């Protein structure tokens, strides 16, 4: 059963034109990246495997209303990747974050963050 596509867009040129053979699609369960013209490659990452998303915007991207979303994932084949030069990047990042959280909750997947001992619990007493 195919899931409904929530969002789709093409990677754009620096000038905001969708002249690319890279298409991004977001469904309720997956983020799909389809690249290529003569030879097409479709990669996907299940949303519950996405650990973090980061918004990056260069000056050129800001001028043309674009941005890049850096995705940190636990997927073995995709690992960390970028959704480059997309329009409405803040809204898309928020949409992706919400979809990831919803899918992680529905699958009951917890994000186990590792913290160094230096980051918590080891404070020196300043009463000396």
C-alpha atoms as a PDB file:
ATOM      1  CA  UNK A   1       0.000   0.000   0.000  1.00  0.00           C
ATOM      2  CA  UNK A   2       1.582   3.276  -1.118  1.00  0.00           C
ATOM      3  CA  UNK A   3       1.664   6.047   1.427  1.00  0.00           C
ATOM      4  CA  UNK A   4       0.474   9.541   0.570  1.00  0.00           C
ATOM      5  CA  UNK A   5       3.210  11.992  -0.406  1.00  0.00           C
ATOM      6  CA  UNK A   6       3.286  14.863   2.113  1.00  0.00           C
ATOM      7  CA  UNK A   7       5.891  16.971   0.289  1.00  0.00           C
ATOM      8  CA  UNK A   8       7.883  16.819  -2.926  1.00  0.00           C
ATOM      9  CA  UNK A   9      10.355  19.165  -4.583  1.00  0.00           C
ATOM     10  CA  UNK A  10      13.359  19.205  -6.869  1.00  0.00           C
ATOM     11  CA  UNK A  11      16.877  20.236  -6.008  1.00  0.00           C
ATOM     12  CA  UNK A  12      17.199  23.729  -7.428  1.00  0.00           C
ATOM     13  CA  UNK A  13      20.004  25.728  -8.970  1.00  0.00           C
ATOM     14  CA  UNK A  14      21.487  28.554  -6.970  1.00  0.00           C
ATOM     15  CA  UNK A  15      19.022  30.887  -8.723  1.00  0.00           C
ATOM     16  CA  UNK A  16      16.034  28.921  -7.449  1.00  0.00           C
ATOM     17  CA  UNK A  17      15.204  27.192 -10.726  1.00  0.00           C
ATOM     18  CA  UNK A  18      14.212  23.499 -10.524  1.00  0.00           C
ATOM     19  CA  UNK A  19      16.634  22.449 -13.284  1.00  0.00           C
ATOM     20  CA  UNK A  20      17.879  19.254 -11.708  1.00  0.00           C
ATOM     21  CA  UNK A  21      17.474  15.517 -11.935  1.00  0.00           C
ATOM     22  CA  UNK A  22      17.198  15.173  -8.159  1.00  0.00           C
ATOM     23  CA  UNK A  23      13.725  14.899  -6.650  1.00  0.00           C
ATOM     24  CA  UNK A  24      12.918  14.736  -2.950  1.00  0.00           C
ATOM     25  CA  UNK A  25       9.705  13.175  -1.609  1.00  0.00           C
ATOM     26  CA  UNK A  26       8.398  12.832   1.934  1.00  0.00           C
ATOM     27  CA  UNK A  27       5.728  10.314   2.892  1.00  0.00           C
ATOM     28  CA  UNK A  28       4.366   9.412   6.319  1.00  0.00           C
ATOM     29  CA  UNK A  29       7.068   6.733   6.709  1.00  0.00           C
ATOM     30  CA  UNK A  30       9.947   7.569   4.354  1.00  0.00           C
ATOM     31  CA  UNK A  31      12.124  10.280   2.878  1.00  0.00           C
ATOM     32  CA  UNK A  32      12.953   9.398  -0.737  1.00  0.00           C
ATOM     33  CA  UNK A  33      15.729  10.872  -2.889  1.00  0.00           C
ATOM     34  CA  UNK A  34      15.531  10.062  -6.587  1.00  0.00           C
ATOM     35  CA  UNK A  35      18.562  11.114  -8.661  1.00  0.00           C
ATOM     36  CA  UNK A  36      19.729  10.709 -12.232  1.00  0.00           C
ATOM     37  CA  UNK A  37      18.562  11.068 -15.811  1.00  0.00           C
ATOM     38  CA  UNK A  38      19.869   8.197 -17.936  1.00  0.00           C
ATOM     39  CA  UNK A  39      20.482   6.026 -14.900  1.00  0.00           C
ATOM     40  CA  UNK A  40      18.152   6.654 -11.990  1.00  0.00           C
ATOM     41  CA  UNK A  41      18.919   5.812  -8.393  1.00  0.00           C
ATOM     42  CA  UNK A  42      16.261   5.924  -5.691  1.00  0.00           C
ATOM     43  CA  UNK A  43      17.409   6.027  -2.077  1.00  0.00           C
ATOM     44  CA  UNK A  44      15.120   6.101   0.908  1.00  0.00           C
ATOM     45  CA  UNK A  45      15.452   6.402   4.624  1.00  0.00           C
ATOM     46  CA  UNK A  46      12.733   5.412   7.022  1.00  0.00           C
ATOM     47  CA  UNK A  47      11.771   8.397   9.145  1.00  0.00           C
ATOM     48  CA  UNK A  48      12.273   6.631  12.467  1.00  0.00           C
ATOM     49  CA  UNK A  49      15.979   6.282  11.546  1.00  0.00           C
ATOM     50  CA  UNK A  50      16.457  10.048  11.275  1.00  0.00           C
ATOM     51  CA  UNK A  51      18.232  11.290  14.393  1.00  0.00           C
ATOM     52  CA  UNK A  52      18.583  15.032  13.721  1.00  0.00           C
ATOM     53  CA  UNK A  53      17.916  17.701  11.097  1.00  0.00           C
ATOM     54  CA  UNK A  54      19.816  20.946  10.663  1.00  0.00           C
ATOM     55  CA  UNK A  55      19.017  23.976   8.521  1.00  0.00           C
ATOM     56  CA  UNK A  56      21.956  25.518   6.629  1.00  0.00           C
ATOM     57  CA  UNK A  57      21.626  28.639   4.469  1.00  0.00           C
ATOM     58  CA  UNK A  58      24.459  30.362   2.633  1.00  0.00           C
ATOM     59  CA  UNK A  59      24.194  34.010   1.643  1.00  0.00           C
ATOM     60  CA  UNK A  60      23.442  32.989  -1.960  1.00  0.00           C
ATOM     61  CA  UNK A  61      20.711  30.634  -0.799  1.00  0.00           C
ATOM     62  CA  UNK A  62      19.168  33.346   1.376  1.00  0.00           C
ATOM     63  CA  UNK A  63      19.076  35.765  -1.558  1.00  0.00           C
ATOM     64  CA  UNK A  64      17.132  33.279  -3.690  1.00  0.00           C
ATOM     65  CA  UNK A  65      14.922  31.887  -0.890  1.00  0.00           C
ATOM     66  CA  UNK A  66      16.638  28.497  -0.730  1.00  0.00           C
ATOM     67  CA  UNK A  67      18.364  26.379   1.889  1.00  0.00           C
ATOM     68  CA  UNK A  68      19.841  22.997   2.658  1.00  0.00           C
ATOM     69  CA  UNK A  69      18.624  20.540   5.277  1.00  0.00           C
ATOM     70  CA  UNK A  70      21.401  18.377   6.694  1.00  0.00           C
ATOM     71  CA  UNK A  71      19.975  15.055   7.898  1.00  0.00           C
ATOM     72  CA  UNK A  72      21.778  12.826  10.403  1.00  0.00           C
ATOM     73  CA  UNK A  73      20.457   9.304  10.127  1.00  0.00           C
ATOM     74  CA  UNK A  74      21.083   5.869  11.584  1.00  0.00           C
ATOM     75  CA  UNK A  75      20.414   4.284   8.176  1.00  0.00           C
ATOM     76  CA  UNK A  76      23.306   2.035   7.110  1.00  0.00           C
ATOM     77  CA  UNK A  77      23.342   2.996   3.434  1.00  0.00           C
ATOM     78  CA  UNK A  78      22.286   6.659   3.555  1.00  0.00           C
ATOM     79  CA  UNK A  79      24.090   7.703   6.768  1.00  0.00           C
ATOM     80  CA  UNK A  80      24.200  11.542   6.865  1.00  0.00           C
ATOM     81  CA  UNK A  81      22.982  13.401   3.770  1.00  0.00           C
ATOM     82  CA  UNK A  82      21.734  16.776   2.524  1.00  0.00           C
ATOM     83  CA  UNK A  83      18.530  17.963   0.894  1.00  0.00           C
ATOM     84  CA  UNK A  84      20.157  20.705  -1.162  1.00  0.00           C
ATOM     85  CA  UNK A  85      18.763  23.985  -2.471  1.00  0.00           C
ATOM     86  CA  UNK A  86      15.098  23.588  -1.608  1.00  0.00           C
ATOM     87  CA  UNK A  87      12.432  26.283  -1.419  1.00  0.00           C
ATOM     88  CA  UNK A  88      10.530  27.089   1.783  1.00  0.00           C
ATOM     89  CA  UNK A  89      13.309  25.360   3.691  1.00  0.00           C
ATOM     90  CA  UNK A  90      12.144  26.405   7.173  1.00  0.00           C
ATOM     91  CA  UNK A  91       8.660  25.005   6.597  1.00  0.00           C
ATOM     92  CA  UNK A  92      10.065  21.814   5.050  1.00  0.00           C
ATOM     93  CA  UNK A  93      12.463  21.319   7.974  1.00  0.00           C
ATOM     94  CA  UNK A  94       9.595  21.716  10.438  1.00  0.00           C
ATOM     95  CA  UNK A  95       7.391  19.351   8.398  1.00  0.00           C
ATOM     96  CA  UNK A  96      10.195  16.759   8.305  1.00  0.00           C
ATOM     97  CA  UNK A  97      10.877  17.100  12.048  1.00  0.00           C
ATOM     98  CA  UNK A  98       7.201  16.628  12.894  1.00  0.00           C
ATOM     99  CA  UNK A  99       6.895  13.625  10.563  1.00  0.00           C
ATOM    100  CA  UNK A 100      10.005  12.052  12.132  1.00  0.00           C
ATOM    101  CA  UNK A 101       8.652  12.517  15.663  1.00  0.00           C
ATOM    102  CA  UNK A 102       5.247  11.136  14.705  1.00  0.00           C
ATOM    103  CA  UNK A 103       6.786   8.060  13.070  1.00  0.00           C
ATOM    104  CA  UNK A 104       9.205   7.469  15.966  1.00  0.00           C
ATOM    105  CA  UNK A 105       6.283   7.611  18.416  1.00  0.00           C
ATOM    106  CA  UNK A 106       4.137   5.273  16.323  1.00  0.00           C
ATOM    107  CA  UNK A 107       7.009   2.766  16.072  1.00  0.00           C
ATOM    108  CA  UNK A 108       7.942   3.329  19.727  1.00  0.00           C
ATOM    109  CA  UNK A 109      11.537   4.095  18.795  1.00  0.00           C
ATOM    110  CA  UNK A 110      13.568   6.019  21.331  1.00  0.00           C
ATOM    111  CA  UNK A 111      16.562   8.183  20.497  1.00  0.00           C
ATOM    112  CA  UNK A 112      19.346   7.149  22.828  1.00  0.00           C
ATOM    113  CA  UNK A 113      21.740  10.022  23.098  1.00  0.00           C
ATOM    114  CA  UNK A 114      25.127   9.306  24.546  1.00  0.00           C
ATOM    115  CA  UNK A 115      26.551  11.923  26.867  1.00  0.00           C
ATOM    116  CA  UNK A 116      30.061  12.173  28.262  1.00  0.00           C
ATOM    117  CA  UNK A 117      30.493  12.132  32.007  1.00  0.00           C
ATOM    118  CA  UNK A 118      31.890  15.648  31.657  1.00  0.00           C
ATOM    119  CA  UNK A 119      28.533  16.869  30.361  1.00  0.00           C
ATOM    120  CA  UNK A 120      26.473  15.843  33.381  1.00  0.00           C
ATOM    121  CA  UNK A 121      26.730  14.961  36.989  1.00  0.00           C
ATOM    122  CA  UNK A 122      30.415  15.693  37.595  1.00  0.00           C
ATOM    123  CA  UNK A 123      30.533  19.087  39.217  1.00  0.00           C
ATOM    124  CA  UNK A 124      33.239  20.121  41.630  1.00  0.00           C
ATOM    125  CA  UNK A 125      32.303  21.617  44.968  1.00  0.00           C
ATOM    126  CA  UNK A 126      33.175  25.322  45.036  1.00  0.00           C
ATOM    127  CA  UNK A 127      32.839  25.650  48.837  1.00  0.00           C
ATOM    128  CA  UNK A 128      36.629  25.521  49.409  1.00  0.00           C
END
